[in-house]
Amino acid sequence: MLISELLQTRGVPITTGRVTGFSDSTQESQKNSDPQNSGFAKELQSQLEEQQKTAAEGVVFSRHAMERISERQIDLDSENTLERLNKAVELAGEKGSNDALVMIGSNAFIVSVKNNKVITTLSADDMQGNIFTNIDSTVIM
């Protein structure tokens, strides 16, 4: 006895692969629909493009880092800080660093080099008595 015959005798519905309730043209259009045009695929693609664009522009600041910059009144425009920070992250990446402490003037930046993201920032006053952990390199600019 075949499995399908056994299931039929027990009253279990059997699906043959043919969808009922749709016309053949509807089934064909569903088969030929392009998954690249789905809403999810479009959103995913736009997110990936934005990440690539941001990575090409330089480091990204986490929300925590932005709060610390504001609260500690760190000026990213003075002394070409942002340019120097980008250069430091690039140098750390070339040396194989994952997480770096970047010293620029009297400010410190903890950076995830592999993600190109500033995790937090400290001013000179905040560095006194602190221990920096979970870093594998230091770049002094």
C-alpha atoms as a PDB file:
ATOM      1  CA  MET A   1       0.000   0.000   0.000  1.00  0.00           C
ATOM      2  CA  LEU A   2       1.268   3.473  -0.906  1.00  0.00           C
ATOM      3  CA  ILE A   3       1.538   6.220   1.686  1.00  0.00           C
ATOM      4  CA  SER A   4      -1.013   8.338  -0.185  1.00  0.00           C
ATOM      5  CA  GLU A   5      -3.529   5.464  -0.115  1.00  0.00           C
ATOM      6  CA  LEU A   6      -2.944   4.943   3.621  1.00  0.00           C
ATOM      7  CA  LEU A   7      -3.498   8.648   4.300  1.00  0.00           C
ATOM      8  CA  GLN A   8      -6.674   8.657   2.213  1.00  0.00           C
ATOM      9  CA  THR A   9      -8.107   5.745   4.181  1.00  0.00           C
ATOM     10  CA  ARG A  10      -7.463   7.663   7.414  1.00  0.00           C
ATOM     11  CA  GLY A  11      -9.165  10.767   6.077  1.00  0.00           C
ATOM     12  CA  VAL A  12      -6.011  12.897   5.865  1.00  0.00           C
ATOM     13  CA  PRO A  13      -6.233  15.456   3.048  1.00  0.00           C
ATOM     14  CA  ILE A  14      -3.542  15.059   0.409  1.00  0.00           C
ATOM     15  CA  THR A  15      -2.029  18.005  -1.426  1.00  0.00           C
ATOM     16  CA  THR A  16      -0.861  17.287  -4.929  1.00  0.00           C
ATOM     17  CA  GLY A  17       1.018  20.528  -5.464  1.00  0.00           C
ATOM     18  CA  ARG A  18      -1.703  22.124  -7.566  1.00  0.00           C
ATOM     19  CA  VAL A  19      -3.206  25.154  -5.879  1.00  0.00           C
ATOM     20  CA  THR A  20      -6.973  25.334  -6.088  1.00  0.00           C
ATOM     21  CA  GLY A  21      -8.971  28.506  -6.232  1.00  0.00           C
ATOM     22  CA  PHE A  22      -6.574  30.311  -8.599  1.00  0.00           C
ATOM     23  CA  SER A  23      -6.666  30.547 -12.317  1.00  0.00           C
ATOM     24  CA  ASP A  24      -3.690  29.322 -14.320  1.00  0.00           C
ATOM     25  CA  SER A  25      -2.723  32.910 -15.169  1.00  0.00           C
ATOM     26  CA  THR A  26      -2.584  33.812 -11.468  1.00  0.00           C
ATOM     27  CA  GLN A  27      -0.372  30.817 -10.751  1.00  0.00           C
ATOM     28  CA  GLU A  28       1.944  31.759 -13.603  1.00  0.00           C
ATOM     29  CA  SER A  29       2.239  35.360 -12.413  1.00  0.00           C
ATOM     30  CA  GLN A  30       3.083  34.131  -8.902  1.00  0.00           C
ATOM     31  CA  LYS A  31       5.760  31.795 -10.277  1.00  0.00           C
ATOM     32  CA  ASN A  32       7.271  34.556 -12.373  1.00  0.00           C
ATOM     33  CA  SER A  33       7.141  37.273  -9.705  1.00  0.00           C
ATOM     34  CA  ASP A  34      10.564  38.747  -9.079  1.00  0.00           C
ATOM     35  CA  PRO A  35      11.674  38.451  -5.411  1.00  0.00           C
ATOM     36  CA  GLN A  36      13.980  41.432  -6.044  1.00  0.00           C
ATOM     37  CA  ASN A  37      10.894  43.654  -6.350  1.00  0.00           C
ATOM     38  CA  SER A  38       9.424  42.708  -2.974  1.00  0.00           C
ATOM     39  CA  GLY A  39       9.190  45.406  -0.316  1.00  0.00           C
ATOM     40  CA  PHE A  40      11.614  43.604   1.979  1.00  0.00           C
ATOM     41  CA  ALA A  41      14.257  43.190  -0.726  1.00  0.00           C
ATOM     42  CA  LYS A  42      14.002  46.864  -1.673  1.00  0.00           C
ATOM     43  CA  GLU A  43      14.331  47.991   1.952  1.00  0.00           C
ATOM     44  CA  LEU A  44      17.282  45.665   2.546  1.00  0.00           C
ATOM     45  CA  GLN A  45      19.025  46.937  -0.573  1.00  0.00           C
ATOM     46  CA  SER A  46      18.527  50.588   0.420  1.00  0.00           C
ATOM     47  CA  GLN A  47      19.881  49.908   3.917  1.00  0.00           C
ATOM     48  CA  LEU A  48      22.983  48.211   2.481  1.00  0.00           C
ATOM     49  CA  GLU A  49      23.587  51.076   0.066  1.00  0.00           C
ATOM     50  CA  GLU A  50      23.288  53.617   2.879  1.00  0.00           C
ATOM     51  CA  GLN A  51      25.783  51.686   5.033  1.00  0.00           C
ATOM     52  CA  GLN A  52      28.271  51.558   2.171  1.00  0.00           C
ATOM     53  CA  LYS A  53      27.838  55.270   1.518  1.00  0.00           C
ATOM     54  CA  THR A  54      28.321  56.087   5.210  1.00  0.00           C
ATOM     55  CA  ALA A  55      31.409  53.882   5.432  1.00  0.00           C
ATOM     56  CA  ALA A  56      32.907  55.691   2.454  1.00  0.00           C
ATOM     57  CA  GLU A  57      32.275  59.070   4.132  1.00  0.00           C
ATOM     58  CA  GLY A  58      34.057  58.189   7.389  1.00  0.00           C
ATOM     59  CA  VAL A  59      33.331  57.104  10.904  1.00  0.00           C
ATOM     60  CA  VAL A  60      29.809  56.902  12.289  1.00  0.00           C
ATOM     61  CA  PHE A  61      28.976  57.974  15.818  1.00  0.00           C
ATOM     62  CA  SER A  62      26.826  55.792  18.044  1.00  0.00           C
ATOM     63  CA  ARG A  63      23.944  57.413  19.916  1.00  0.00           C
ATOM     64  CA  HIS A  64      25.954  57.050  23.142  1.00  0.00           C
ATOM     65  CA  ALA A  65      28.949  58.807  21.576  1.00  0.00           C
ATOM     66  CA  MET A  66      26.748  61.649  20.331  1.00  0.00           C
ATOM     67  CA  GLU A  67      25.328  62.119  23.828  1.00  0.00           C
ATOM     68  CA  ARG A  68      28.859  62.228  25.299  1.00  0.00           C
ATOM     69  CA  ILE A  69      30.048  64.722  22.688  1.00  0.00           C
ATOM     70  CA  SER A  70      27.151  67.007  23.546  1.00  0.00           C
ATOM     71  CA  GLU A  71      27.396  66.567  27.298  1.00  0.00           C
ATOM     72  CA  ARG A  72      31.197  66.987  27.389  1.00  0.00           C
ATOM     73  CA  GLN A  73      31.156  69.819  24.832  1.00  0.00           C
ATOM     74  CA  ILE A  74      33.691  68.184  22.517  1.00  0.00           C
ATOM     75  CA  ASP A  75      34.186  70.252  19.363  1.00  0.00           C
ATOM     76  CA  LEU A  76      34.697  67.991  16.338  1.00  0.00           C
ATOM     77  CA  ASP A  77      35.349  70.967  14.062  1.00  0.00           C
ATOM     78  CA  SER A  78      38.384  72.266  15.920  1.00  0.00           C
ATOM     79  CA  GLU A  79      41.889  71.108  14.977  1.00  0.00           C
ATOM     80  CA  ASN A  80      40.527  69.007  12.087  1.00  0.00           C
ATOM     81  CA  THR A  81      39.377  66.488  14.691  1.00  0.00           C
ATOM     82  CA  LEU A  82      37.025  64.622  12.380  1.00  0.00           C
ATOM     83  CA  GLU A  83      39.618  64.315   9.597  1.00  0.00           C
ATOM     84  CA  ARG A  84      42.240  63.136  12.075  1.00  0.00           C
ATOM     85  CA  LEU A  85      39.792  60.650  13.573  1.00  0.00           C
ATOM     86  CA  ASN A  86      39.022  59.189  10.150  1.00  0.00           C
ATOM     87  CA  LYS A  87      42.742  58.917   9.376  1.00  0.00           C
ATOM     88  CA  ALA A  88      43.416  57.240  12.750  1.00  0.00           C
ATOM     89  CA  VAL A  89      40.674  54.652  12.147  1.00  0.00           C
ATOM     90  CA  GLU A  90      42.072  53.987   8.687  1.00  0.00           C
ATOM     91  CA  LEU A  91      45.582  53.476  10.114  1.00  0.00           C
ATOM     92  CA  ALA A  92      44.268  51.189  12.869  1.00  0.00           C
ATOM     93  CA  GLY A  93      42.366  49.148  10.290  1.00  0.00           C
ATOM     94  CA  GLU A  94      45.496  48.738   8.168  1.00  0.00           C
ATOM     95  CA  LYS A  95      47.270  47.289  11.204  1.00  0.00           C
ATOM     96  CA  GLY A  96      44.438  44.823  11.856  1.00  0.00           C
ATOM     97  CA  SER A  97      42.938  46.513  14.894  1.00  0.00           C
ATOM     98  CA  ASN A  98      39.379  45.738  15.967  1.00  0.00           C
ATOM     99  CA  ASP A  99      38.833  48.219  18.806  1.00  0.00           C
ATOM    100  CA  ALA A 100      41.077  51.239  19.293  1.00  0.00           C
ATOM    101  CA  LEU A 101      41.610  54.161  21.620  1.00  0.00           C
ATOM    102  CA  VAL A 102      42.222  57.232  19.477  1.00  0.00           C
ATOM    103  CA  MET A 103      43.812  60.241  21.175  1.00  0.00           C
ATOM    104  CA  ILE A 104      43.322  63.556  19.385  1.00  0.00           C
ATOM    105  CA  GLY A 105      44.474  66.611  21.294  1.00  0.00           C
ATOM    106  CA  SER A 106      42.961  66.394  24.755  1.00  0.00           C
ATOM    107  CA  ASN A 107      40.098  64.120  23.689  1.00  0.00           C
ATOM    108  CA  ALA A 108      39.867  60.341  23.540  1.00  0.00           C
ATOM    109  CA  PHE A 109      37.637  58.285  21.258  1.00  0.00           C
ATOM    110  CA  ILE A 110      36.912  54.584  21.668  1.00  0.00           C
ATOM    111  CA  VAL A 111      36.322  53.242  18.164  1.00  0.00           C
ATOM    112  CA  SER A 112      35.140  49.925  16.771  1.00  0.00           C
ATOM    113  CA  VAL A 113      37.475  49.849  13.790  1.00  0.00           C
ATOM    114  CA  LYS A 114      35.821  46.881  12.116  1.00  0.00           C
ATOM    115  CA  ASN A 115      32.418  48.659  12.262  1.00  0.00           C
ATOM    116  CA  ASN A 116      33.880  52.119  11.581  1.00  0.00           C
ATOM    117  CA  LYS A 117      31.904  53.422  14.584  1.00  0.00           C
ATOM    118  CA  VAL A 118      32.826  55.687  17.500  1.00  0.00           C
ATOM    119  CA  ILE A 119      31.532  54.008  20.655  1.00  0.00           C
ATOM    120  CA  THR A 120      32.213  56.775  23.184  1.00  0.00           C
ATOM    121  CA  THR A 121      34.259  59.910  23.711  1.00  0.00           C
ATOM    122  CA  LEU A 122      36.050  61.425  26.674  1.00  0.00           C
ATOM    123  CA  SER A 123      37.447  64.863  27.342  1.00  0.00           C
ATOM    124  CA  ALA A 124      40.685  65.465  29.253  1.00  0.00           C
ATOM    125  CA  ASP A 125      38.800  65.920  32.541  1.00  0.00           C
ATOM    126  CA  ASP A 126      36.950  62.626  32.111  1.00  0.00           C
ATOM    127  CA  MET A 127      40.110  60.620  31.396  1.00  0.00           C
ATOM    128  CA  GLN A 128      41.671  61.172  34.816  1.00  0.00           C
ATOM    129  CA  GLY A 129      41.719  57.902  36.739  1.00  0.00           C
ATOM    130  CA  ASN A 130      40.053  55.860  33.961  1.00  0.00           C
ATOM    131  CA  ILE A 131      41.242  52.493  32.726  1.00  0.00           C
ATOM    132  CA  PHE A 132      40.608  51.664  29.073  1.00  0.00           C
ATOM    133  CA  THR A 133      39.742  48.006  28.563  1.00  0.00           C
ATOM    134  CA  ASN A 134      38.692  45.896  25.582  1.00  0.00           C
ATOM    135  CA  ILE A 135      40.936  47.754  23.163  1.00  0.00           C
ATOM    136  CA  ASP A 136      43.700  46.201  21.100  1.00  0.00           C
ATOM    137  CA  SER A 137      45.461  49.361  19.938  1.00  0.00           C
ATOM    138  CA  THR A 138      46.002  53.028  20.623  1.00  0.00           C
ATOM    139  CA  VAL A 139      46.445  55.677  17.952  1.00  0.00           C
ATOM    140  CA  ILE A 140      47.799  59.085  18.938  1.00  0.00           C
ATOM    141  CA  MET A 141      47.126  61.768  16.361  1.00  0.00           C
END
